[in-house]
Amino acid sequence: MIAIINTGCANINSVRFAFERLGQTPTVITSPEQLAGFERAILPGVGHASVAMKRLVDNGWQQAINEYQRPLMGICLGMQLLCESTEEGNVQCLGKIPGQVKALDVGNLTSPHMGWNNLSVNKEHALTKGLTLDEQVYFVHSFAHTVNDATLVSGEYGQTFSAIVAKDNYAGMQFHPERSAKVGARLLQNFVDWQL
């Protein structure tokens, strides 16, 4: 049973449909008290980090996520909120995955980083199963987690950044697996199959 956390900061339907295509029946939850009843959970997110983080705190999600012992994965902004802090609004985040989120140094490239891009596997993990270097996923972001020990997969856009991170039962994908065709579907299936 998969919970999709609805904090009002994401279009959750595309995530829900992506899991339904895998034969799953995810439940969209709107109350932190519901979280403990699910085998795994997704924290999606779009928009500004400070607004999203305030909603998490004000609505009691921070404590529920802190106490959750099963696989929980953030997508895009949801991944960034699982980290220690972000330069976007200079806010402290949930602190479940070590590392800071900083503005992408894109040089002469356009920002945000938007479109299909390659990945590099830094560490083998259940979440990276079947991922090959010639495959691409779909990104939309202007901030990114700096590469560190939590980085499983990295991307490159002006600089190297974390594309998939994991620590204990928490994980994150900076790109949108739900918009990344067959590659994204495989990565979401890896999350479904992930055993701690």
Protein backbone atom coordinates (compact mmCIF):
# COMPACT_ATOMS: atom_id res chain seq x y z
CA MET A 1 0.00 0.00 0.00
CA ILE A 2 1.49 3.30 -1.16
CA ALA A 3 0.56 6.67 0.28
CA ILE A 4 0.97 9.83 -1.77
CA ILE A 5 1.28 12.75 0.63
CA ASN A 6 -0.87 15.67 -0.50
CA THR A 7 0.48 18.86 1.05
CA GLY A 8 -1.14 21.07 -1.58
CA CYS A 9 2.26 21.72 -3.20
CA ALA A 10 2.13 19.32 -6.15
CA ASN A 11 0.06 17.96 -8.98
CA ILE A 12 -0.31 14.51 -7.50
CA ASN A 13 -2.43 12.99 -10.26
CA SER A 14 0.51 12.31 -12.58
CA VAL A 15 2.29 10.47 -9.75
CA ARG A 16 -0.84 8.50 -8.91
CA PHE A 17 -1.40 7.52 -12.55
CA ALA A 18 2.24 6.41 -12.88
CA PHE A 19 1.83 3.95 -10.00
CA GLU A 20 -1.53 2.79 -11.33
CA ARG A 21 0.18 1.92 -14.63
CA LEU A 22 2.43 -0.38 -12.54
CA GLY A 23 -0.62 -2.15 -11.14
CA GLN A 24 -0.52 -0.32 -7.80
CA THR A 25 -3.47 1.44 -6.18
CA PRO A 26 -1.92 4.35 -4.28
CA THR A 27 -3.94 6.36 -1.79
CA VAL A 28 -3.69 10.12 -1.63
CA ILE A 29 -3.54 11.11 2.03
CA THR A 30 -4.23 14.55 3.45
CA SER A 31 -3.69 13.93 7.17
CA PRO A 32 -0.37 13.07 8.90
CA GLU A 33 -2.18 10.55 11.09
CA GLN A 34 -2.84 8.41 8.02
CA LEU A 35 0.84 7.95 7.12
CA ALA A 36 1.67 5.20 9.63
CA GLY A 37 -0.91 2.88 8.05
CA PHE A 38 0.99 2.52 4.75
CA GLU A 39 3.85 0.28 3.64
CA ARG A 40 5.61 3.07 1.71
CA ALA A 41 5.05 6.70 0.88
CA ILE A 42 5.76 9.36 -1.75
CA LEU A 43 6.37 13.05 -0.99
CA PRO A 44 5.86 14.93 -4.27
CA GLY A 45 6.41 18.65 -4.55
CA VAL A 46 6.58 21.59 -6.90
CA GLY A 47 6.90 25.30 -6.26
CA HIS A 48 8.90 27.27 -3.70
CA ALA A 49 10.72 25.42 -0.92
CA SER A 50 9.91 27.88 1.87
CA VAL A 51 6.16 27.72 1.14
CA ALA A 52 6.18 23.92 0.92
CA MET A 53 8.26 23.52 4.10
CA LYS A 54 5.96 25.85 6.04
CA ARG A 55 2.98 23.74 4.99
CA LEU A 56 4.72 20.56 6.12
CA VAL A 57 5.46 22.04 9.54
CA ASP A 58 2.14 23.84 10.05
CA ASN A 59 0.09 20.78 9.13
CA GLY A 60 2.02 18.28 11.27
CA TRP A 61 3.76 16.39 8.48
CA GLN A 62 7.27 16.96 9.84
CA GLN A 63 6.70 14.81 12.91
CA ALA A 64 4.87 12.10 10.94
CA ILE A 65 7.70 11.87 8.40
CA ASN A 66 10.32 11.83 11.18
CA GLU A 67 8.58 8.89 12.83
CA TYR A 68 8.00 6.91 9.64
CA GLN A 69 10.11 3.73 9.54
CA ARG A 70 9.28 2.43 6.05
CA PRO A 71 10.44 3.49 2.56
CA LEU A 72 9.58 7.12 1.83
CA MET A 73 10.67 8.89 -1.34
CA GLY A 74 10.55 12.54 -2.29
CA ILE A 75 10.16 13.62 -5.91
CA CYS A 76 11.60 16.91 -7.23
CA LEU A 77 10.94 19.52 -4.52
CA GLY A 78 9.84 16.66 -2.26
CA MET A 79 13.39 15.26 -2.47
CA GLN A 80 14.88 18.65 -1.61
CA LEU A 81 12.61 18.97 1.44
CA LEU A 82 14.03 15.70 2.81
CA CYS A 83 17.52 17.23 2.89
CA GLU A 84 19.08 19.39 5.61
CA SER A 85 18.54 22.85 4.17
CA THR A 86 17.98 24.75 0.96
CA GLU A 87 19.18 28.07 -0.41
CA GLU A 88 15.72 28.58 -1.89
CA GLY A 89 14.31 30.84 0.79
CA ASN A 90 17.18 29.85 3.13
CA VAL A 91 15.08 27.38 5.10
CA GLN A 92 15.87 24.37 7.24
CA CYS A 93 14.31 21.24 5.78
CA LEU A 94 13.39 17.83 7.21
CA GLY A 95 17.01 16.68 7.65
CA LYS A 96 16.40 13.04 6.76
CA ILE A 97 19.02 12.99 3.97
CA PRO A 98 22.38 14.65 4.67
CA GLY A 99 23.40 17.54 2.46
CA GLN A 100 22.40 20.99 1.30
CA VAL A 101 20.31 22.08 -1.66
CA LYS A 102 21.88 24.95 -3.57
CA ALA A 103 21.13 26.97 -6.67
CA LEU A 104 22.42 25.23 -9.78
CA ASP A 105 25.50 26.93 -11.22
CA VAL A 106 24.42 26.63 -14.84
CA GLY A 107 27.04 28.95 -16.38
CA ASN A 108 25.86 29.93 -19.85
CA LEU A 109 23.02 27.41 -19.86
CA THR A 110 19.42 28.42 -19.30
CA SER A 111 17.80 28.10 -15.89
CA PRO A 112 15.76 26.26 -14.79
CA HIS A 113 17.25 22.99 -15.99
CA MET A 114 14.30 21.69 -17.94
CA GLY A 115 14.16 18.64 -20.18
CA TRP A 116 15.70 15.23 -20.72
CA ASN A 117 19.15 14.46 -19.39
CA ASN A 118 21.47 11.52 -18.77
CA LEU A 119 22.31 9.99 -15.42
CA SER A 120 25.50 8.51 -13.94
CA VAL A 121 25.27 5.77 -11.33
CA ASN A 122 27.54 6.59 -8.37
CA LYS A 123 26.51 3.67 -6.14
CA GLU A 124 24.63 0.45 -6.74
CA HIS A 125 21.37 0.33 -4.78
CA ALA A 126 17.96 -1.31 -5.00
CA LEU A 127 16.63 1.98 -6.39
CA THR A 128 19.14 2.01 -9.29
CA LYS A 129 18.46 -1.54 -10.50
CA GLY A 130 18.45 -1.76 -14.30
CA LEU A 131 19.53 1.84 -14.84
CA THR A 132 21.92 2.27 -17.77
CA LEU A 133 24.02 5.25 -18.82
CA ASP A 134 22.34 5.78 -22.18
CA GLU A 135 18.90 6.39 -20.67
CA GLN A 136 17.44 9.80 -19.92
CA VAL A 137 14.95 11.18 -17.42
CA TYR A 138 12.95 14.41 -17.31
CA PHE A 139 14.08 17.29 -15.08
CA VAL A 140 12.54 20.63 -14.10
CA HIS A 141 14.58 22.38 -11.39
CA SER A 142 16.86 25.32 -10.61
CA PHE A 143 18.10 24.04 -7.21
CA ALA A 144 19.84 20.75 -6.52
CA HIS A 145 21.33 18.59 -3.77
CA THR A 146 25.14 18.72 -3.76
CA VAL A 147 26.85 15.38 -4.41
CA ASN A 148 27.87 13.55 -1.22
CA ASP A 149 27.76 10.10 0.41
CA ALA A 150 23.96 9.99 0.09
CA THR A 151 24.17 10.36 -3.71
CA LEU A 152 23.28 7.18 -5.61
CA VAL A 153 22.95 8.75 -9.05
CA SER A 154 24.19 12.09 -10.36
CA GLY A 155 23.29 14.35 -13.25
CA GLU A 156 25.16 17.07 -15.07
CA TYR A 157 23.89 20.51 -16.02
CA GLY A 158 26.49 23.22 -15.67
CA GLN A 159 27.69 21.25 -12.65
CA THR A 160 27.33 17.77 -11.21
CA PHE A 161 24.35 17.36 -8.88
CA SER A 162 22.47 14.57 -7.11
CA ALA A 163 19.70 12.96 -9.16
CA ILE A 164 18.87 10.11 -6.76
CA VAL A 165 19.75 10.11 -3.06
CA ALA A 166 19.09 7.70 -0.20
CA LYS A 167 19.76 7.42 3.51
CA ASP A 168 18.20 4.71 5.69
CA ASN A 169 14.51 4.45 4.70
CA TYR A 170 14.42 7.86 2.98
CA ALA A 171 15.16 8.48 -0.70
CA GLY A 172 14.67 11.13 -3.32
CA MET A 173 14.60 11.61 -7.08
CA GLN A 174 15.31 15.12 -8.37
CA PHE A 175 13.77 14.39 -11.77
CA HIS A 176 10.16 13.41 -12.46
CA PRO A 177 10.00 9.60 -12.79
CA GLU A 178 6.28 9.88 -13.50
CA ARG A 179 7.14 11.89 -16.64
CA SER A 180 10.20 9.84 -17.65
CA ALA A 181 8.56 7.12 -19.78
CA LYS A 182 9.88 3.55 -19.43
CA VAL A 183 12.95 4.56 -17.44
CA GLY A 184 10.81 6.38 -14.89
CA ALA A 185 8.41 3.46 -14.66
CA ARG A 186 11.31 1.10 -13.92
CA LEU A 187 12.63 3.41 -11.21
CA LEU A 188 9.19 3.67 -9.60
CA GLN A 189 8.95 -0.12 -9.71
CA ASN A 190 12.34 -0.25 -7.96
CA PHE A 191 10.80 1.86 -5.19
CA VAL A 192 7.83 -0.50 -4.96
CA ASP A 193 10.27 -3.45 -4.68
CA TRP A 194 12.69 -1.74 -2.26
CA GLN A 195 13.12 -3.78 0.92
CA LEU A 196 14.91 -2.25 3.89
